[in-house]
Amino acid sequence: MKIVLLILVLALTNLYAQENNFLPLCSMSKAKKLLQKIPAEEKRDKVKHCHMSCMLTLRCPAIDVYTFGLMKEFYDLFGPGDADQRDIKANRIGISFVTRDNVKSDDQCYEACANFNWQ
């Protein structure tokens, strides 16, 4: 499973970066501070991914946030994390809450992600 995710991440990131001369700098600059807004008591990994992506999308372009999430999963393939394609899906869901105008604040992001049916 990790090799499939690796190929997907590399292909998408490389394609987008080449065509747009782009790296997700907005998301990179804001992620560390926003990480503090995720409730410490929240243990569900998919909710955390969703919440972070949603909050980032309130501040940064959606493609920036999506690329940042892909890069994070790529890092997890070789680092201490656990790469999971379901994390990418959770990121997309968080992004969609903003792009579809369903949420307008960090608190609404958390509520939408925490109440989403993750089954």
PDB file of N, CA and C in Angstrom:
ATOM      1  N   MET A   1       0.823  -1.190   0.000  1.00  0.00           N
ATOM      2  CA  MET A   1       0.000   0.000   0.000  1.00  0.00           C
ATOM      3  C   MET A   1       0.868   1.256   0.000  1.00  0.00           C
ATOM      4  N   LYS A   2       1.975   1.232   0.736  1.00  0.00           N
ATOM      5  CA  LYS A   2       2.820   2.413   0.808  1.00  0.00           C
ATOM      6  C   LYS A   2       3.431   2.761  -0.546  1.00  0.00           C
ATOM      7  N   ILE A   3       3.764   1.777  -1.344  1.00  0.00           N
ATOM      8  CA  ILE A   3       4.368   2.059  -2.642  1.00  0.00           C
ATOM      9  C   ILE A   3       3.368   2.732  -3.575  1.00  0.00           C
ATOM     10  N   VAL A   4       2.101   2.332  -3.517  1.00  0.00           N
ATOM     11  CA  VAL A   4       1.065   2.956  -4.343  1.00  0.00           C
ATOM     12  C   VAL A   4       0.892   4.412  -3.936  1.00  0.00           C
ATOM     13  N   LEU A   5       0.829   4.657  -2.639  1.00  0.00           N
ATOM     14  CA  LEU A   5       0.702   6.017  -2.140  1.00  0.00           C
ATOM     15  C   LEU A   5       1.914   6.849  -2.531  1.00  0.00           C
ATOM     16  N   LEU A   6       3.086   6.289  -2.419  1.00  0.00           N
ATOM     17  CA  LEU A   6       4.310   6.996  -2.787  1.00  0.00           C
ATOM     18  C   LEU A   6       4.270   7.421  -4.251  1.00  0.00           C
ATOM     19  N   ILE A   7       3.911   6.521  -5.128  1.00  0.00           N
ATOM     20  CA  ILE A   7       3.856   6.835  -6.558  1.00  0.00           C
ATOM     21  C   ILE A   7       2.825   7.932  -6.825  1.00  0.00           C
ATOM     22  N   LEU A   8       1.666   7.825  -6.200  1.00  0.00           N
ATOM     23  CA  LEU A   8       0.631   8.827  -6.376  1.00  0.00           C
ATOM     24  C   LEU A   8       1.093  10.201  -5.895  1.00  0.00           C
ATOM     25  N   VAL A   9       1.664  10.255  -4.712  1.00  0.00           N
ATOM     26  CA  VAL A   9       2.125  11.520  -4.153  1.00  0.00           C
ATOM     27  C   VAL A   9       3.198  12.141  -5.030  1.00  0.00           C
ATOM     28  N   LEU A  10       4.164  11.357  -5.427  1.00  0.00           N
ATOM     29  CA  LEU A  10       5.234  11.882  -6.277  1.00  0.00           C
ATOM     30  C   LEU A  10       4.701  12.398  -7.609  1.00  0.00           C
ATOM     31  N   ALA A  11       3.834  11.635  -8.225  1.00  0.00           N
ATOM     32  CA  ALA A  11       3.304  12.031  -9.527  1.00  0.00           C
ATOM     33  C   ALA A  11       2.497  13.322  -9.443  1.00  0.00           C
ATOM     34  N   LEU A  12       1.572  13.393  -8.491  1.00  0.00           N
ATOM     35  CA  LEU A  12       0.732  14.572  -8.374  1.00  0.00           C
ATOM     36  C   LEU A  12       1.519  15.811  -7.965  1.00  0.00           C
ATOM     37  N   THR A  13       2.384  15.671  -6.996  1.00  0.00           N
ATOM     38  CA  THR A  13       3.169  16.808  -6.532  1.00  0.00           C
ATOM     39  C   THR A  13       4.106  17.300  -7.632  1.00  0.00           C
ATOM     40  N   ASN A  14       4.766  16.384  -8.306  1.00  0.00           N
ATOM     41  CA  ASN A  14       5.689  16.766  -9.362  1.00  0.00           C
ATOM     42  C   ASN A  14       4.953  17.436 -10.520  1.00  0.00           C
ATOM     43  N   LEU A  15       3.838  16.876 -10.935  1.00  0.00           N
ATOM     44  CA  LEU A  15       3.061  17.435 -12.040  1.00  0.00           C
ATOM     45  C   LEU A  15       2.607  18.849 -11.716  1.00  0.00           C
ATOM     46  N   TYR A  16       2.022  19.026 -10.560  1.00  0.00           N
ATOM     47  CA  TYR A  16       1.512  20.352 -10.206  1.00  0.00           C
ATOM     48  C   TYR A  16       2.648  21.357 -10.031  1.00  0.00           C
ATOM     49  N   ALA A  17       3.704  20.945  -9.367  1.00  0.00           N
ATOM     50  CA  ALA A  17       4.815  21.858  -9.124  1.00  0.00           C
ATOM     51  C   ALA A  17       5.468  22.291 -10.434  1.00  0.00           C
ATOM     52  N   GLN A  18       5.617  21.395 -11.383  1.00  0.00           N
ATOM     53  CA  GLN A  18       6.228  21.731 -12.663  1.00  0.00           C
ATOM     54  C   GLN A  18       5.370  22.727 -13.435  1.00  0.00           C
ATOM     55  N   GLU A  19       4.083  22.483 -13.493  1.00  0.00           N
ATOM     56  CA  GLU A  19       3.212  23.334 -14.289  1.00  0.00           C
ATOM     57  C   GLU A  19       2.987  24.701 -13.657  1.00  0.00           C
ATOM     58  N   ASN A  20       3.102  24.802 -12.370  1.00  0.00           N
ATOM     59  CA  ASN A  20       2.772  26.051 -11.696  1.00  0.00           C
ATOM     60  C   ASN A  20       3.934  26.663 -10.915  1.00  0.00           C
ATOM     61  N   ASN A  21       5.101  26.043 -10.995  1.00  0.00           N
ATOM     62  CA  ASN A  21       6.256  26.548 -10.252  1.00  0.00           C
ATOM     63  C   ASN A  21       5.839  26.877  -8.816  1.00  0.00           C
ATOM     64  N   PHE A  22       5.345  25.880  -8.105  1.00  0.00           N
ATOM     65  CA  PHE A  22       4.625  26.093  -6.862  1.00  0.00           C
ATOM     66  C   PHE A  22       5.010  25.095  -5.786  1.00  0.00           C
ATOM     67  N   LEU A  23       5.101  25.557  -4.598  1.00  0.00           N
ATOM     68  CA  LEU A  23       5.170  24.719  -3.404  1.00  0.00           C
ATOM     69  C   LEU A  23       4.138  25.279  -2.428  1.00  0.00           C
ATOM     70  N   PRO A  24       3.596  24.467  -1.563  1.00  0.00           N
ATOM     71  CA  PRO A  24       2.533  24.935  -0.662  1.00  0.00           C
ATOM     72  C   PRO A  24       3.079  25.790   0.483  1.00  0.00           C
ATOM     73  N   LEU A  25       3.583  26.953   0.149  1.00  0.00           N
ATOM     74  CA  LEU A  25       4.227  27.799   1.146  1.00  0.00           C
ATOM     75  C   LEU A  25       3.246  28.381   2.153  1.00  0.00           C
ATOM     76  N   CYS A  26       2.039  28.700   1.716  1.00  0.00           N
ATOM     77  CA  CYS A  26       1.051  29.240   2.649  1.00  0.00           C
ATOM     78  C   CYS A  26       0.766  28.224   3.759  1.00  0.00           C
ATOM     79  N   SER A  27       0.454  26.998   3.368  1.00  0.00           N
ATOM     80  CA  SER A  27       0.148  25.958   4.362  1.00  0.00           C
ATOM     81  C   SER A  27       1.337  25.690   5.264  1.00  0.00           C
ATOM     82  N   MET A  28       2.523  25.632   4.671  1.00  0.00           N
ATOM     83  CA  MET A  28       3.730  25.378   5.467  1.00  0.00           C
ATOM     84  C   MET A  28       3.919  26.457   6.527  1.00  0.00           C
ATOM     85  N   SER A  29       3.610  27.692   6.174  1.00  0.00           N
ATOM     86  CA  SER A  29       3.846  28.798   7.104  1.00  0.00           C
ATOM     87  C   SER A  29       2.817  28.860   8.233  1.00  0.00           C
ATOM     88  N   LYS A  30       1.662  28.252   8.045  1.00  0.00           N
ATOM     89  CA  LYS A  30       0.589  28.370   9.034  1.00  0.00           C
ATOM     90  C   LYS A  30       0.309  27.091   9.830  1.00  0.00           C
ATOM     91  N   ALA A  31       0.782  25.958   9.348  1.00  0.00           N
ATOM     92  CA  ALA A  31       0.402  24.674   9.954  1.00  0.00           C
ATOM     93  C   ALA A  31       0.813  24.541  11.417  1.00  0.00           C
ATOM     94  N   LYS A  32       2.018  24.922  11.742  1.00  0.00           N
ATOM     95  CA  LYS A  32       2.502  24.726  13.117  1.00  0.00           C
ATOM     96  C   LYS A  32       1.633  25.478  14.129  1.00  0.00           C
ATOM     97  N   LYS A  33       1.294  26.718  13.814  1.00  0.00           N
ATOM     98  CA  LYS A  33       0.463  27.500  14.725  1.00  0.00           C
ATOM     99  C   LYS A  33      -0.951  26.910  14.821  1.00  0.00           C
ATOM    100  N   LEU A  34      -1.504  26.467  13.690  1.00  0.00           N
ATOM    101  CA  LEU A  34      -2.861  25.915  13.693  1.00  0.00           C
ATOM    102  C   LEU A  34      -2.936  24.571  14.404  1.00  0.00           C
ATOM    103  N   LEU A  35      -1.855  23.833  14.414  1.00  0.00           N
ATOM    104  CA  LEU A  35      -1.832  22.546  15.103  1.00  0.00           C
ATOM    105  C   LEU A  35      -2.240  22.693  16.565  1.00  0.00           C
ATOM    106  N   GLN A  36      -1.927  23.833  17.157  1.00  0.00           N
ATOM    107  CA  GLN A  36      -2.282  24.101  18.553  1.00  0.00           C
ATOM    108  C   GLN A  36      -3.790  24.241  18.747  1.00  0.00           C
ATOM    109  N   LYS A  37      -4.540  24.499  17.676  1.00  0.00           N
ATOM    110  CA  LYS A  37      -5.990  24.680  17.785  1.00  0.00           C
ATOM    111  C   LYS A  37      -6.758  23.358  17.751  1.00  0.00           C
ATOM    112  N   ILE A  38      -6.080  22.273  17.406  1.00  0.00           N
ATOM    113  CA  ILE A  38      -6.751  20.981  17.401  1.00  0.00           C
ATOM    114  C   ILE A  38      -6.887  20.525  18.854  1.00  0.00           C
ATOM    115  N   PRO A  39      -8.107  20.235  19.297  1.00  0.00           N
ATOM    116  CA  PRO A  39      -8.302  19.873  20.707  1.00  0.00           C
ATOM    117  C   PRO A  39      -7.421  18.696  21.133  1.00  0.00           C
ATOM    118  N   ALA A  40      -6.739  18.866  22.235  1.00  0.00           N
ATOM    119  CA  ALA A  40      -5.830  17.829  22.738  1.00  0.00           C
ATOM    120  C   ALA A  40      -6.569  16.529  23.038  1.00  0.00           C
ATOM    121  N   GLU A  41      -7.833  16.644  23.402  1.00  0.00           N
ATOM    122  CA  GLU A  41      -8.598  15.436  23.750  1.00  0.00           C
ATOM    123  C   GLU A  41      -9.064  14.658  22.519  1.00  0.00           C
ATOM    124  N   GLU A  42      -8.937  15.264  21.328  1.00  0.00           N
ATOM    125  CA  GLU A  42      -9.361  14.576  20.099  1.00  0.00           C
ATOM    126  C   GLU A  42      -8.335  13.504  19.745  1.00  0.00           C
ATOM    127  N   LYS A  43      -8.781  12.265  19.724  1.00  0.00           N
ATOM    128  CA  LYS A  43      -7.883  11.135  19.458  1.00  0.00           C
ATOM    129  C   LYS A  43      -8.036  10.563  18.053  1.00  0.00           C
ATOM    130  N   ARG A  44      -9.100  10.917  17.347  1.00  0.00           N
ATOM    131  CA  ARG A  44      -9.359  10.351  16.019  1.00  0.00           C
ATOM    132  C   ARG A  44      -8.470  11.026  14.973  1.00  0.00           C
ATOM    133  N   ASP A  45      -7.580  10.248  14.381  1.00  0.00           N
ATOM    134  CA  ASP A  45      -6.614  10.768  13.421  1.00  0.00           C
ATOM    135  C   ASP A  45      -7.289  11.424  12.220  1.00  0.00           C
ATOM    136  N   LYS A  46      -8.350  10.829  11.702  1.00  0.00           N
ATOM    137  CA  LYS A  46      -9.015  11.388  10.518  1.00  0.00           C
ATOM    138  C   LYS A  46      -9.661  12.733  10.841  1.00  0.00           C
ATOM    139  N   VAL A  47     -10.183  12.891  12.036  1.00  0.00           N
ATOM    140  CA  VAL A  47     -10.754  14.173  12.447  1.00  0.00           C
ATOM    141  C   VAL A  47      -9.654  15.223  12.507  1.00  0.00           C
ATOM    142  N   LYS A  48      -8.490  14.849  12.995  1.00  0.00           N
ATOM    143  CA  LYS A  48      -7.363  15.799  13.058  1.00  0.00           C
ATOM    144  C   LYS A  48      -6.937  16.239  11.660  1.00  0.00           C
ATOM    145  N   HIS A  49      -6.830  15.282  10.745  1.00  0.00           N
ATOM    146  CA  HIS A  49      -6.463  15.623   9.368  1.00  0.00           C
ATOM    147  C   HIS A  49      -7.504  16.551   8.745  1.00  0.00           C
ATOM    148  N   CYS A  50      -8.760  16.193   8.908  1.00  0.00           N
ATOM    149  CA  CYS A  50      -9.855  16.987   8.378  1.00  0.00           C
ATOM    150  C   CYS A  50      -9.838  18.401   8.962  1.00  0.00           C
ATOM    151  N   HIS A  51      -9.716  18.488  10.265  1.00  0.00           N
ATOM    152  CA  HIS A  51      -9.742  19.780  10.956  1.00  0.00           C
ATOM    153  C   HIS A  51      -8.588  20.668  10.486  1.00  0.00           C
ATOM    154  N   MET A  52      -7.387  20.107  10.423  1.00  0.00           N
ATOM    155  CA  MET A  52      -6.238  20.896   9.987  1.00  0.00           C
ATOM    156  C   MET A  52      -6.423  21.384   8.551  1.00  0.00           C
ATOM    157  N   SER A  53      -6.848  20.499   7.670  1.00  0.00           N
ATOM    158  CA  SER A  53      -7.035  20.891   6.269  1.00  0.00           C
ATOM    159  C   SER A  53      -8.120  21.957   6.137  1.00  0.00           C
ATOM    160  N   CYS A  54      -9.167  21.816   6.892  1.00  0.00           N
ATOM    161  CA  CYS A  54     -10.248  22.793   6.874  1.00  0.00           C
ATOM    162  C   CYS A  54      -9.741  24.161   7.341  1.00  0.00           C
ATOM    163  N   MET A  55      -9.043  24.201   8.460  1.00  0.00           N
ATOM    164  CA  MET A  55      -8.527  25.473   8.970  1.00  0.00           C
ATOM    165  C   MET A  55      -7.538  26.099   7.986  1.00  0.00           C
ATOM    166  N   LEU A  56      -6.674  25.278   7.416  1.00  0.00           N
ATOM    167  CA  LEU A  56      -5.720  25.807   6.440  1.00  0.00           C
ATOM    168  C   LEU A  56      -6.444  26.384   5.227  1.00  0.00           C
ATOM    169  N   THR A  57      -7.523  25.731   4.781  1.00  0.00           N
ATOM    170  CA  THR A  57      -8.249  26.194   3.602  1.00  0.00           C
ATOM    171  C   THR A  57      -8.972  27.514   3.865  1.00  0.00           C
ATOM    172  N   LEU A  58      -9.250  27.811   5.128  1.00  0.00           N
ATOM    173  CA  LEU A  58      -9.803  29.132   5.459  1.00  0.00           C
ATOM    174  C   LEU A  58      -8.773  30.236   5.221  1.00  0.00           C
ATOM    175  N   ARG A  59      -7.486  29.856   5.175  1.00  0.00           N
ATOM    176  CA  ARG A  59      -6.405  30.835   5.096  1.00  0.00           C
ATOM    177  C   ARG A  59      -5.588  30.766   3.798  1.00  0.00           C
ATOM    178  N   CYS A  60      -5.623  29.627   3.128  1.00  0.00           N
ATOM    179  CA  CYS A  60      -4.748  29.367   1.984  1.00  0.00           C
ATOM    180  C   CYS A  60      -5.560  28.779   0.831  1.00  0.00           C
ATOM    181  N   PRO A  61      -5.035  28.854  -0.387  1.00  0.00           N
ATOM    182  CA  PRO A  61      -5.733  28.226  -1.514  1.00  0.00           C
ATOM    183  C   PRO A  61      -5.873  26.717  -1.312  1.00  0.00           C
ATOM    184  N   ALA A  62      -6.981  26.168  -1.767  1.00  0.00           N
ATOM    185  CA  ALA A  62      -7.266  24.745  -1.573  1.00  0.00           C
ATOM    186  C   ALA A  62      -6.179  23.855  -2.171  1.00  0.00           C
ATOM    187  N   ILE A  63      -5.665  24.206  -3.338  1.00  0.00           N
ATOM    188  CA  ILE A  63      -4.628  23.373  -3.963  1.00  0.00           C
ATOM    189  C   ILE A  63      -3.350  23.393  -3.133  1.00  0.00           C
ATOM    190  N   ASP A  64      -3.073  24.490  -2.497  1.00  0.00           N
ATOM    191  CA  ASP A  64      -1.927  24.609  -1.597  1.00  0.00           C
ATOM    192  C   ASP A  64      -2.100  23.623  -0.433  1.00  0.00           C
ATOM    193  N   VAL A  65      -3.283  23.606   0.159  1.00  0.00           N
ATOM    194  CA  VAL A  65      -3.574  22.734   1.302  1.00  0.00           C
ATOM    195  C   VAL A  65      -3.519  21.267   0.882  1.00  0.00           C
ATOM    196  N   TYR A  66      -4.091  20.959  -0.269  1.00  0.00           N
ATOM    197  CA  TYR A  66      -4.094  19.577  -0.756  1.00  0.00           C
ATOM    198  C   TYR A  66      -2.669  19.090  -1.002  1.00  0.00           C
ATOM    199  N   THR A  67      -1.861  19.919  -1.636  1.00  0.00           N
ATOM    200  CA  THR A  67      -0.468  19.555  -1.912  1.00  0.00           C
ATOM    201  C   THR A  67       0.305  19.377  -0.611  1.00  0.00           C
ATOM    202  N   PHE A  68       0.063  20.232   0.347  1.00  0.00           N
ATOM    203  CA  PHE A  68       0.720  20.121   1.646  1.00  0.00           C
ATOM    204  C   PHE A  68       0.368  18.790   2.306  1.00  0.00           C
ATOM    205  N   GLY A  69      -0.898  18.388   2.232  1.00  0.00           N
ATOM    206  CA  GLY A  69      -1.320  17.104   2.796  1.00  0.00           C
ATOM    207  C   GLY A  69      -0.646  15.931   2.106  1.00  0.00           C
ATOM    208  N   LEU A  70      -0.527  16.007   0.779  1.00  0.00           N
ATOM    209  CA  LEU A  70       0.176  14.954   0.042  1.00  0.00           C
ATOM    210  C   LEU A  70       1.640  14.874   0.472  1.00  0.00           C
ATOM    211  N   MET A  71       2.258  16.030   0.620  1.00  0.00           N
ATOM    212  CA  MET A  71       3.667  16.052   1.027  1.00  0.00           C
ATOM    213  C   MET A  71       3.838  15.484   2.434  1.00  0.00           C
ATOM    214  N   LYS A  72       2.881  15.743   3.297  1.00  0.00           N
ATOM    215  CA  LYS A  72       2.949  15.208   4.670  1.00  0.00           C
ATOM    216  C   LYS A  72       2.868  13.686   4.642  1.00  0.00           C
ATOM    217  N   GLU A  73       1.990  13.128   3.810  1.00  0.00           N
ATOM    218  CA  GLU A  73       1.898  11.670   3.703  1.00  0.00           C
ATOM    219  C   GLU A  73       3.161  11.085   3.080  1.00  0.00           C
ATOM    220  N   PHE A  74       3.747  11.778   2.133  1.00  0.00           N
ATOM    221  CA  PHE A  74       5.014  11.352   1.549  1.00  0.00           C
ATOM    222  C   PHE A  74       6.095  11.308   2.626  1.00  0.00           C
ATOM    223  N   TYR A  75       6.149  12.332   3.448  1.00  0.00           N
ATOM    224  CA  TYR A  75       7.104  12.363   4.559  1.00  0.00           C
ATOM    225  C   TYR A  75       6.871  11.174   5.497  1.00  0.00           C
ATOM    226  N   ASP A  76       5.605  10.865   5.754  1.00  0.00           N
ATOM    227  CA  ASP A  76       5.279   9.754   6.655  1.00  0.00           C
ATOM    228  C   ASP A  76       5.739   8.400   6.114  1.00  0.00           C
ATOM    229  N   LEU A  77       5.867   8.280   4.796  1.00  0.00           N
ATOM    230  CA  LEU A  77       6.355   7.029   4.216  1.00  0.00           C
ATOM    231  C   LEU A  77       7.759   6.690   4.703  1.00  0.00           C
ATOM    232  N   PHE A  78       8.555   7.725   4.917  1.00  0.00           N
ATOM    233  CA  PHE A  78       9.962   7.526   5.273  1.00  0.00           C
ATOM    234  C   PHE A  78      10.301   8.004   6.677  1.00  0.00           C
ATOM    235  N   GLY A  79       9.391   8.725   7.298  1.00  0.00           N
ATOM    236  CA  GLY A  79       9.649   9.271   8.622  1.00  0.00           C
ATOM    237  C   GLY A  79       8.946   8.479   9.702  1.00  0.00           C
ATOM    238  N   PRO A  80       8.718   9.123  10.821  1.00  0.00           N
ATOM    239  CA  PRO A  80       8.143   8.435  11.978  1.00  0.00           C
ATOM    240  C   PRO A  80       6.632   8.222  11.879  1.00  0.00           C
ATOM    241  N   GLY A  81       5.976   8.861  10.920  1.00  0.00           N
ATOM    242  CA  GLY A  81       4.520   8.755  10.813  1.00  0.00           C
ATOM    243  C   GLY A  81       4.070   7.471  10.140  1.00  0.00           C
ATOM    244  N   ASP A  82       2.773   7.350   9.999  1.00  0.00           N
ATOM    245  CA  ASP A  82       2.165   6.182   9.364  1.00  0.00           C
ATOM    246  C   ASP A  82       1.369   6.664   8.154  1.00  0.00           C
ATOM    247  N   ALA A  83       1.951   6.528   6.967  1.00  0.00           N
ATOM    248  CA  ALA A  83       1.285   6.970   5.743  1.00  0.00           C
ATOM    249  C   ALA A  83       0.008   6.169   5.523  1.00  0.00           C
ATOM    250  N   ASP A  84      -1.058   6.879   5.166  1.00  0.00           N
ATOM    251  CA  ASP A  84      -2.358   6.233   4.997  1.00  0.00           C
ATOM    252  C   ASP A  84      -3.158   7.019   3.968  1.00  0.00           C
ATOM    253  N   GLN A  85      -3.618   6.336   2.933  1.00  0.00           N
ATOM    254  CA  GLN A  85      -4.381   7.030   1.902  1.00  0.00           C
ATOM    255  C   GLN A  85      -5.694   7.582   2.453  1.00  0.00           C
ATOM    256  N   ARG A  86      -6.189   7.015   3.548  1.00  0.00           N
ATOM    257  CA  ARG A  86      -7.408   7.547   4.168  1.00  0.00           C
ATOM    258  C   ARG A  86      -7.163   8.923   4.784  1.00  0.00           C
ATOM    259  N   ASP A  87      -5.910   9.216   5.128  1.00  0.00           N
ATOM    260  CA  ASP A  87      -5.577  10.558   5.615  1.00  0.00           C
ATOM    261  C   ASP A  87      -5.773  11.584   4.503  1.00  0.00           C
ATOM    262  N   ILE A  88      -5.410  11.208   3.283  1.00  0.00           N
ATOM    263  CA  ILE A  88      -5.589  12.108   2.140  1.00  0.00           C
ATOM    264  C   ILE A  88      -7.083  12.362   1.922  1.00  0.00           C
ATOM    265  N   LYS A  89      -7.890  11.324   2.069  1.00  0.00           N
ATOM    266  CA  LYS A  89      -9.345  11.487   1.940  1.00  0.00           C
ATOM    267  C   LYS A  89      -9.862  12.433   3.026  1.00  0.00           C
ATOM    268  N   ALA A  90      -9.390  12.265   4.249  1.00  0.00           N
ATOM    269  CA  ALA A  90      -9.815  13.148   5.343  1.00  0.00           C
ATOM    270  C   ALA A  90      -9.406  14.593   5.053  1.00  0.00           C
ATOM    271  N   ASN A  91      -8.216  14.775   4.486  1.00  0.00           N
ATOM    272  CA  ASN A  91      -7.781  16.124   4.103  1.00  0.00           C
ATOM    273  C   ASN A  91      -8.735  16.716   3.066  1.00  0.00           C
ATOM    274  N   ARG A  92      -9.103  15.916   2.062  1.00  0.00           N
ATOM    275  CA  ARG A  92     -10.012  16.402   1.014  1.00  0.00           C
ATOM    276  C   ARG A  92     -11.369  16.790   1.594  1.00  0.00           C
ATOM    277  N   ILE A  93     -11.839  16.024   2.558  1.00  0.00           N
ATOM    278  CA  ILE A  93     -13.121  16.333   3.189  1.00  0.00           C
ATOM    279  C   ILE A  93     -13.034  17.668   3.924  1.00  0.00           C
ATOM    280  N   GLY A  94     -11.955  17.877   4.665  1.00  0.00           N
ATOM    281  CA  GLY A  94     -11.771  19.153   5.363  1.00  0.00           C
ATOM    282  C   GLY A  94     -11.714  20.328   4.399  1.00  0.00           C
ATOM    283  N   ILE A  95     -11.021  20.146   3.292  1.00  0.00           N
ATOM    284  CA  ILE A  95     -10.946  21.194   2.272  1.00  0.00           C
ATOM    285  C   ILE A  95     -12.333  21.475   1.712  1.00  0.00           C
ATOM    286  N   SER A  96     -13.093  20.415   1.443  1.00  0.00           N
ATOM    287  CA  SER A  96     -14.416  20.587   0.827  1.00  0.00           C
ATOM    288  C   SER A  96     -15.389  21.328   1.734  1.00  0.00           C
ATOM    289  N   PHE A  97     -15.240  21.204   3.040  1.00  0.00           N
ATOM    290  CA  PHE A  97     -16.123  21.946   3.935  1.00  0.00           C
ATOM    291  C   PHE A  97     -16.012  23.447   3.692  1.00  0.00           C
ATOM    292  N   VAL A  98     -14.818  23.910   3.366  1.00  0.00           N
ATOM    293  CA  VAL A  98     -14.608  25.335   3.114  1.00  0.00           C
ATOM    294  C   VAL A  98     -14.978  25.688   1.678  1.00  0.00           C
ATOM    295  N   THR A  99     -14.511  24.886   0.724  1.00  0.00           N
ATOM    296  CA  THR A  99     -14.742  25.242  -0.679  1.00  0.00           C
ATOM    297  C   THR A  99     -16.223  25.181  -1.053  1.00  0.00           C
ATOM    298  N   ARG A 100     -17.000  24.438  -0.316  1.00  0.00           N
ATOM    299  CA  ARG A 100     -18.448  24.385  -0.559  1.00  0.00           C
ATOM    300  C   ARG A 100     -19.216  25.353   0.335  1.00  0.00           C
ATOM    301  N   ASP A 101     -18.477  26.243   1.002  1.00  0.00           N
ATOM    302  CA  ASP A 101     -19.060  27.273   1.864  1.00  0.00           C
ATOM    303  C   ASP A 101     -19.889  26.718   3.009  1.00  0.00           C
ATOM    304  N   ASN A 102     -19.511  25.558   3.517  1.00  0.00           N
ATOM    305  CA  ASN A 102     -20.228  24.977   4.657  1.00  0.00           C
ATOM    306  C   ASN A 102     -19.710  25.502   5.991  1.00  0.00           C
ATOM    307  N   VAL A 103     -18.457  25.943   6.036  1.00  0.00           N
ATOM    308  CA  VAL A 103     -17.896  26.449   7.289  1.00  0.00           C
ATOM    309  C   VAL A 103     -17.173  27.768   7.039  1.00  0.00           C
ATOM    310  N   LYS A 104     -17.127  28.579   8.085  1.00  0.00           N
ATOM    311  CA  LYS A 104     -16.508  29.906   7.985  1.00  0.00           C
ATOM    312  C   LYS A 104     -15.531  30.201   9.121  1.00  0.00           C
ATOM    313  N   SER A 105     -15.350  29.237  10.042  1.00  0.00           N
ATOM    314  CA  SER A 105     -14.464  29.490  11.182  1.00  0.00           C
ATOM    315  C   SER A 105     -13.766  28.199  11.606  1.00  0.00           C
ATOM    316  N   ASP A 106     -12.722  28.355  12.403  1.00  0.00           N
ATOM    317  CA  ASP A 106     -11.992  27.196  12.914  1.00  0.00           C
ATOM    318  C   ASP A 106     -12.894  26.302  13.764  1.00  0.00           C
ATOM    319  N   ASP A 107     -13.745  26.910  14.572  1.00  0.00           N
ATOM    320  CA  ASP A 107     -14.657  26.123  15.412  1.00  0.00           C
ATOM    321  C   ASP A 107     -15.650  25.338  14.568  1.00  0.00           C
ATOM    322  N   GLN A 108     -16.143  25.952  13.503  1.00  0.00           N
ATOM    323  CA  GLN A 108     -17.055  25.247  12.607  1.00  0.00           C
ATOM    324  C   GLN A 108     -16.324  24.109  11.890  1.00  0.00           C
ATOM    325  N   CYS A 109     -15.054  24.311  11.577  1.00  0.00           N
ATOM    326  CA  CYS A 109     -14.257  23.236  10.974  1.00  0.00           C
ATOM    327  C   CYS A 109     -14.231  22.033  11.898  1.00  0.00           C
ATOM    328  N   TYR A 110     -13.932  22.279  13.169  1.00  0.00           N
ATOM    329  CA  TYR A 110     -13.859  21.162  14.108  1.00  0.00           C
ATOM    330  C   TYR A 110     -15.204  20.459  14.219  1.00  0.00           C
ATOM    331  N   GLU A 111     -16.272  21.217  14.353  1.00  0.00           N
ATOM    332  CA  GLU A 111     -17.602  20.614  14.488  1.00  0.00           C
ATOM    333  C   GLU A 111     -17.946  19.768  13.262  1.00  0.00           C
ATOM    334  N   ALA A 112     -17.665  20.294  12.073  1.00  0.00           N
ATOM    335  CA  ALA A 112     -17.975  19.560  10.845  1.00  0.00           C
ATOM    336  C   ALA A 112     -17.169  18.266  10.764  1.00  0.00           C
ATOM    337  N   CYS A 113     -15.904  18.342  11.107  1.00  0.00           N
ATOM    338  CA  CYS A 113     -15.034  17.157  11.038  1.00  0.00           C
ATOM    339  C   CYS A 113     -15.374  16.150  12.133  1.00  0.00           C
ATOM    340  N   ALA A 114     -15.622  16.633  13.333  1.00  0.00           N
ATOM    341  CA  ALA A 114     -15.926  15.729  14.445  1.00  0.00           C
ATOM    342  C   ALA A 114     -17.254  15.007  14.244  1.00  0.00           C
ATOM    343  N   ASN A 115     -18.189  15.651  13.554  1.00  0.00           N
ATOM    344  CA  ASN A 115     -19.519  15.066  13.359  1.00  0.00           C
ATOM    345  C   ASN A 115     -19.658  14.324  12.045  1.00  0.00           C
ATOM    346  N   PHE A 116     -18.617  14.311  11.232  1.00  0.00           N
ATOM    347  CA  PHE A 116     -18.665  13.608   9.948  1.00  0.00           C
ATOM    348  C   PHE A 116     -18.709  12.091  10.194  1.00  0.00           C
ATOM    349  N   ASN A 117     -19.439  11.376   9.364  1.00  0.00           N
ATOM    350  CA  ASN A 117     -19.528   9.917   9.484  1.00  0.00           C
ATOM    351  C   ASN A 117     -18.278   9.292   8.845  1.00  0.00           C
ATOM    352  N   TRP A 118     -17.323   8.889   9.639  1.00  0.00           N
ATOM    353  CA  TRP A 118     -16.028   8.373   9.152  1.00  0.00           C
ATOM    354  C   TRP A 118     -16.060   6.892   8.839  1.00  0.00           C
ATOM    355  N   GLN A 119     -17.203   6.271   8.795  1.00  0.00           N
ATOM    356  CA  GLN A 119     -17.302   4.836   8.491  1.00  0.00           C
ATOM    357  C   GLN A 119     -17.101   4.554   7.045  1.00  0.00           C
TER     358      GLN A 119
END
